[in-house]
Amino acid sequence: MSDRAVVASERISAIQQRLAEGLAKIDPHHRLLGRPLSYRVIDGRTLEITYRDVAGIAEAEVLGVKRILGRDCYCTVAPQTAESVTVRFVVPLE
C-alpha cells in the first residue's frame, strides 16, 4: 500500500469515527442518523459520503456535519423520491 493510500485510509477512519461520535449531537431529529449510508473514494483523493432516504434536512444540520467533517467539505441535497432526498458530502482526503 502506498503512503498516499495509508494516509487516505487513516483519514477515512478518522472521519467515520468523528461522524459516529458527533452525529447524534447535531442531528436531534435523526434525519441522517440511521439512514442508509455509503462511503466512496473518488480518484484516491476525495471521500464521498452519501445518506439516502432522508425525509428532509435543515441547514443547521448540514452545517453541523460540515463542522464534523472539516472546513473544506461540500454538500449537495438532491431529490430521490417525492418523499425523500439524498444528502451527499464530499471531503478532500489530502
N, C-alpha and C. Protein backbone atom coordinates (compact mmCIF):
# COMPACT_ATOMS: atom_id res chain seq x y z
N MET A 1 0.85 -1.17 0.00
CA MET A 1 0.00 0.00 0.00
C MET A 1 0.90 1.23 0.00
N SER A 2 0.60 2.20 -0.84
CA SER A 2 1.42 3.41 -0.94
C SER A 2 1.18 4.31 0.26
N ASP A 3 2.10 5.25 0.46
CA ASP A 3 1.96 6.20 1.55
C ASP A 3 0.67 7.00 1.43
N ARG A 4 0.32 7.38 0.19
CA ARG A 4 -0.91 8.14 -0.04
C ARG A 4 -2.13 7.31 0.37
N ALA A 5 -2.13 6.03 0.02
CA ALA A 5 -3.26 5.15 0.36
C ALA A 5 -3.37 4.97 1.87
N VAL A 6 -2.24 4.86 2.56
CA VAL A 6 -2.25 4.72 4.01
C VAL A 6 -2.82 5.97 4.66
N VAL A 7 -2.37 7.14 4.21
CA VAL A 7 -2.86 8.40 4.75
C VAL A 7 -4.36 8.53 4.49
N ALA A 8 -4.80 8.20 3.27
CA ALA A 8 -6.23 8.28 2.94
C ALA A 8 -7.04 7.34 3.81
N SER A 9 -6.55 6.12 4.01
CA SER A 9 -7.25 5.15 4.85
C SER A 9 -7.36 5.64 6.29
N GLU A 10 -6.29 6.21 6.80
CA GLU A 10 -6.31 6.75 8.17
C GLU A 10 -7.27 7.92 8.28
N ARG A 11 -7.28 8.77 7.27
CA ARG A 11 -8.18 9.93 7.28
C ARG A 11 -9.64 9.48 7.21
N ILE A 12 -9.92 8.47 6.38
CA ILE A 12 -11.29 7.95 6.27
C ILE A 12 -11.74 7.37 7.61
N SER A 13 -10.89 6.61 8.26
CA SER A 13 -11.24 6.04 9.57
C SER A 13 -11.53 7.14 10.58
N ALA A 14 -10.72 8.20 10.57
CA ALA A 14 -10.93 9.31 11.49
C ALA A 14 -12.26 10.01 11.21
N ILE A 15 -12.58 10.20 9.94
CA ILE A 15 -13.84 10.83 9.56
C ILE A 15 -15.02 9.97 10.01
N GLN A 16 -14.94 8.66 9.77
CA GLN A 16 -16.02 7.76 10.18
C GLN A 16 -16.21 7.80 11.69
N GLN A 17 -15.13 7.85 12.43
CA GLN A 17 -15.22 7.89 13.89
C GLN A 17 -15.84 9.21 14.36
N ARG A 18 -15.40 10.32 13.78
CA ARG A 18 -15.97 11.63 14.15
C ARG A 18 -17.46 11.68 13.85
N LEU A 19 -17.87 11.13 12.71
CA LEU A 19 -19.30 11.09 12.39
C LEU A 19 -20.07 10.24 13.38
N ALA A 20 -19.53 9.07 13.71
CA ALA A 20 -20.21 8.17 14.65
C ALA A 20 -20.38 8.83 16.02
N GLU A 21 -19.37 9.58 16.44
CA GLU A 21 -19.42 10.22 17.76
C GLU A 21 -20.23 11.51 17.75
N GLY A 22 -20.20 12.26 16.66
CA GLY A 22 -20.79 13.59 16.66
C GLY A 22 -22.17 13.72 16.06
N LEU A 23 -22.57 12.76 15.24
CA LEU A 23 -23.83 12.91 14.53
C LEU A 23 -25.04 12.98 15.46
N ALA A 24 -25.06 12.20 16.51
CA ALA A 24 -26.20 12.21 17.44
C ALA A 24 -26.37 13.58 18.09
N LYS A 25 -25.28 14.30 18.30
CA LYS A 25 -25.34 15.62 18.94
C LYS A 25 -25.90 16.69 18.01
N ILE A 26 -25.62 16.59 16.72
CA ILE A 26 -26.04 17.64 15.80
C ILE A 26 -27.27 17.25 14.97
N ASP A 27 -27.78 16.05 15.18
CA ASP A 27 -28.93 15.56 14.42
C ASP A 27 -30.03 15.10 15.39
N PRO A 28 -30.59 16.04 16.16
CA PRO A 28 -31.56 15.65 17.20
C PRO A 28 -32.84 15.01 16.65
N HIS A 29 -33.17 15.31 15.40
CA HIS A 29 -34.39 14.76 14.80
C HIS A 29 -34.12 13.48 14.02
N HIS A 30 -32.90 13.00 14.08
CA HIS A 30 -32.48 11.75 13.42
C HIS A 30 -32.80 11.75 11.93
N ARG A 31 -32.56 12.87 11.29
CA ARG A 31 -32.77 12.94 9.85
C ARG A 31 -31.70 12.16 9.10
N LEU A 32 -30.46 12.18 9.62
CA LEU A 32 -29.37 11.42 9.00
C LEU A 32 -29.05 10.16 9.77
N LEU A 33 -29.12 10.23 11.07
CA LEU A 33 -28.80 9.10 11.93
C LEU A 33 -29.71 7.92 11.62
N GLY A 34 -29.13 6.80 11.26
CA GLY A 34 -29.90 5.60 10.96
C GLY A 34 -30.32 5.47 9.50
N ARG A 35 -30.05 6.47 8.68
CA ARG A 35 -30.37 6.40 7.25
C ARG A 35 -29.31 5.53 6.55
N PRO A 36 -29.67 4.94 5.41
CA PRO A 36 -28.67 4.19 4.64
C PRO A 36 -27.49 5.10 4.29
N LEU A 37 -26.29 4.63 4.54
CA LEU A 37 -25.08 5.43 4.42
C LEU A 37 -24.06 4.68 3.58
N SER A 38 -23.42 5.38 2.66
CA SER A 38 -22.35 4.76 1.88
C SER A 38 -21.16 5.71 1.81
N TYR A 39 -19.98 5.10 1.71
CA TYR A 39 -18.73 5.82 1.55
C TYR A 39 -18.12 5.38 0.22
N ARG A 40 -17.57 6.34 -0.52
CA ARG A 40 -16.92 6.00 -1.79
C ARG A 40 -15.71 6.92 -1.96
N VAL A 41 -14.58 6.31 -2.25
CA VAL A 41 -13.37 7.09 -2.52
C VAL A 41 -13.32 7.37 -4.01
N ILE A 42 -13.14 8.64 -4.34
CA ILE A 42 -13.09 9.07 -5.73
C ILE A 42 -11.66 9.48 -6.05
N ASP A 43 -11.07 8.81 -7.01
CA ASP A 43 -9.73 9.12 -7.51
C ASP A 43 -8.66 9.11 -6.41
N GLY A 44 -8.92 8.39 -5.33
CA GLY A 44 -7.94 8.28 -4.26
C GLY A 44 -7.72 9.56 -3.47
N ARG A 45 -8.44 10.62 -3.82
CA ARG A 45 -8.19 11.92 -3.20
C ARG A 45 -9.40 12.52 -2.50
N THR A 46 -10.55 11.97 -2.75
CA THR A 46 -11.78 12.56 -2.23
C THR A 46 -12.69 11.46 -1.69
N LEU A 47 -13.35 11.75 -0.58
CA LEU A 47 -14.30 10.81 0.01
C LEU A 47 -15.70 11.37 -0.19
N GLU A 48 -16.58 10.54 -0.75
CA GLU A 48 -17.98 10.91 -0.91
C GLU A 48 -18.79 10.13 0.13
N ILE A 49 -19.54 10.86 0.94
CA ILE A 49 -20.39 10.26 1.97
C ILE A 49 -21.83 10.54 1.56
N THR A 50 -22.61 9.49 1.37
CA THR A 50 -23.97 9.65 0.86
C THR A 50 -24.98 9.05 1.83
N TYR A 51 -25.94 9.88 2.23
CA TYR A 51 -27.08 9.44 3.04
C TYR A 51 -28.28 9.38 2.12
N ARG A 52 -28.97 8.24 2.11
CA ARG A 52 -30.15 8.06 1.26
C ARG A 52 -31.42 7.97 2.13
N ASP A 53 -32.55 8.15 1.48
CA ASP A 53 -33.86 8.05 2.13
C ASP A 53 -34.00 9.03 3.29
N VAL A 54 -33.50 10.24 3.10
CA VAL A 54 -33.59 11.29 4.13
C VAL A 54 -34.89 12.06 3.90
N ALA A 55 -35.71 12.15 4.94
CA ALA A 55 -37.02 12.80 4.81
C ALA A 55 -36.87 14.30 4.54
N GLY A 56 -35.85 14.90 5.07
CA GLY A 56 -35.58 16.33 4.91
C GLY A 56 -34.36 16.68 5.73
N ILE A 57 -33.79 17.82 5.48
CA ILE A 57 -32.59 18.22 6.21
C ILE A 57 -32.61 19.73 6.38
N ALA A 58 -32.27 20.18 7.57
CA ALA A 58 -32.20 21.61 7.86
C ALA A 58 -30.77 22.10 7.63
N GLU A 59 -30.64 23.36 7.30
CA GLU A 59 -29.31 23.92 7.07
C GLU A 59 -28.43 23.80 8.31
N ALA A 60 -29.02 23.93 9.48
CA ALA A 60 -28.23 23.80 10.72
C ALA A 60 -27.62 22.40 10.83
N GLU A 61 -28.34 21.39 10.39
CA GLU A 61 -27.80 20.02 10.43
C GLU A 61 -26.69 19.85 9.41
N VAL A 62 -26.86 20.42 8.23
CA VAL A 62 -25.80 20.36 7.22
C VAL A 62 -24.55 21.04 7.75
N LEU A 63 -24.71 22.22 8.34
CA LEU A 63 -23.56 22.95 8.88
C LEU A 63 -22.90 22.17 10.02
N GLY A 64 -23.69 21.48 10.82
CA GLY A 64 -23.14 20.66 11.90
C GLY A 64 -22.28 19.53 11.35
N VAL A 65 -22.75 18.87 10.32
CA VAL A 65 -21.98 17.78 9.70
C VAL A 65 -20.71 18.36 9.08
N LYS A 66 -20.82 19.52 8.44
CA LYS A 66 -19.64 20.14 7.84
C LYS A 66 -18.60 20.49 8.91
N ARG A 67 -19.05 20.89 10.09
CA ARG A 67 -18.11 21.15 11.19
C ARG A 67 -17.40 19.86 11.60
N ILE A 68 -18.11 18.76 11.62
CA ILE A 68 -17.51 17.46 11.97
C ILE A 68 -16.50 17.04 10.90
N LEU A 69 -16.86 17.23 9.63
CA LEU A 69 -16.03 16.74 8.53
C LEU A 69 -14.83 17.62 8.24
N GLY A 70 -14.94 18.88 8.47
CA GLY A 70 -13.84 19.80 8.17
C GLY A 70 -14.28 20.92 7.27
N ARG A 71 -13.53 21.98 7.30
CA ARG A 71 -13.94 23.21 6.63
C ARG A 71 -13.95 23.12 5.11
N ASP A 72 -13.26 22.16 4.54
CA ASP A 72 -13.17 22.08 3.08
C ASP A 72 -14.19 21.15 2.44
N CYS A 73 -15.16 20.67 3.19
CA CYS A 73 -16.11 19.73 2.60
C CYS A 73 -17.25 20.49 1.92
N TYR A 74 -17.93 19.78 1.03
CA TYR A 74 -19.06 20.33 0.28
C TYR A 74 -20.26 19.43 0.47
N CYS A 75 -21.44 20.00 0.32
CA CYS A 75 -22.67 19.23 0.49
C CYS A 75 -23.63 19.53 -0.65
N THR A 76 -24.30 18.47 -1.12
CA THR A 76 -25.40 18.64 -2.07
C THR A 76 -26.60 17.87 -1.54
N VAL A 77 -27.77 18.40 -1.83
CA VAL A 77 -29.02 17.74 -1.48
C VAL A 77 -29.82 17.62 -2.77
N ALA A 78 -30.21 16.39 -3.11
CA ALA A 78 -30.92 16.16 -4.36
C ALA A 78 -32.15 15.31 -4.11
N PRO A 79 -33.23 15.56 -4.85
CA PRO A 79 -34.42 14.73 -4.71
C PRO A 79 -34.10 13.27 -5.04
N GLN A 80 -34.66 12.38 -4.24
CA GLN A 80 -34.52 10.95 -4.51
C GLN A 80 -35.87 10.41 -4.95
N THR A 81 -36.88 10.68 -4.13
CA THR A 81 -38.27 10.36 -4.47
C THR A 81 -39.10 11.57 -4.07
N ALA A 82 -40.40 11.48 -4.22
CA ALA A 82 -41.27 12.60 -3.82
C ALA A 82 -41.19 12.85 -2.31
N GLU A 83 -40.83 11.82 -1.54
CA GLU A 83 -40.82 11.95 -0.09
C GLU A 83 -39.42 12.02 0.52
N SER A 84 -38.38 11.82 -0.26
CA SER A 84 -37.05 11.76 0.33
C SER A 84 -35.98 12.40 -0.56
N VAL A 85 -34.88 12.73 0.07
CA VAL A 85 -33.74 13.33 -0.63
C VAL A 85 -32.49 12.51 -0.36
N THR A 86 -31.49 12.74 -1.19
CA THR A 86 -30.16 12.18 -0.98
C THR A 86 -29.26 13.33 -0.56
N VAL A 87 -28.54 13.13 0.53
CA VAL A 87 -27.63 14.16 1.03
C VAL A 87 -26.21 13.62 0.85
N ARG A 88 -25.40 14.38 0.12
CA ARG A 88 -24.05 13.93 -0.23
C ARG A 88 -23.03 14.94 0.25
N PHE A 89 -22.04 14.46 0.99
CA PHE A 89 -20.93 15.28 1.44
C PHE A 89 -19.67 14.81 0.72
N VAL A 90 -18.85 15.74 0.26
CA VAL A 90 -17.61 15.42 -0.42
C VAL A 90 -16.48 16.05 0.38
N VAL A 91 -15.51 15.21 0.77
CA VAL A 91 -14.43 15.63 1.65
C VAL A 91 -13.08 15.32 0.99
N PRO A 92 -12.22 16.33 0.85
CA PRO A 92 -10.88 16.05 0.33
C PRO A 92 -10.08 15.23 1.35
N LEU A 93 -9.31 14.29 0.86
CA LEU A 93 -8.52 13.43 1.75
C LEU A 93 -7.08 13.91 1.89
N GLU A 94 -6.71 14.91 1.14
CA GLU A 94 -5.32 15.40 1.20
C GLU A 94 -5.23 16.74 1.87
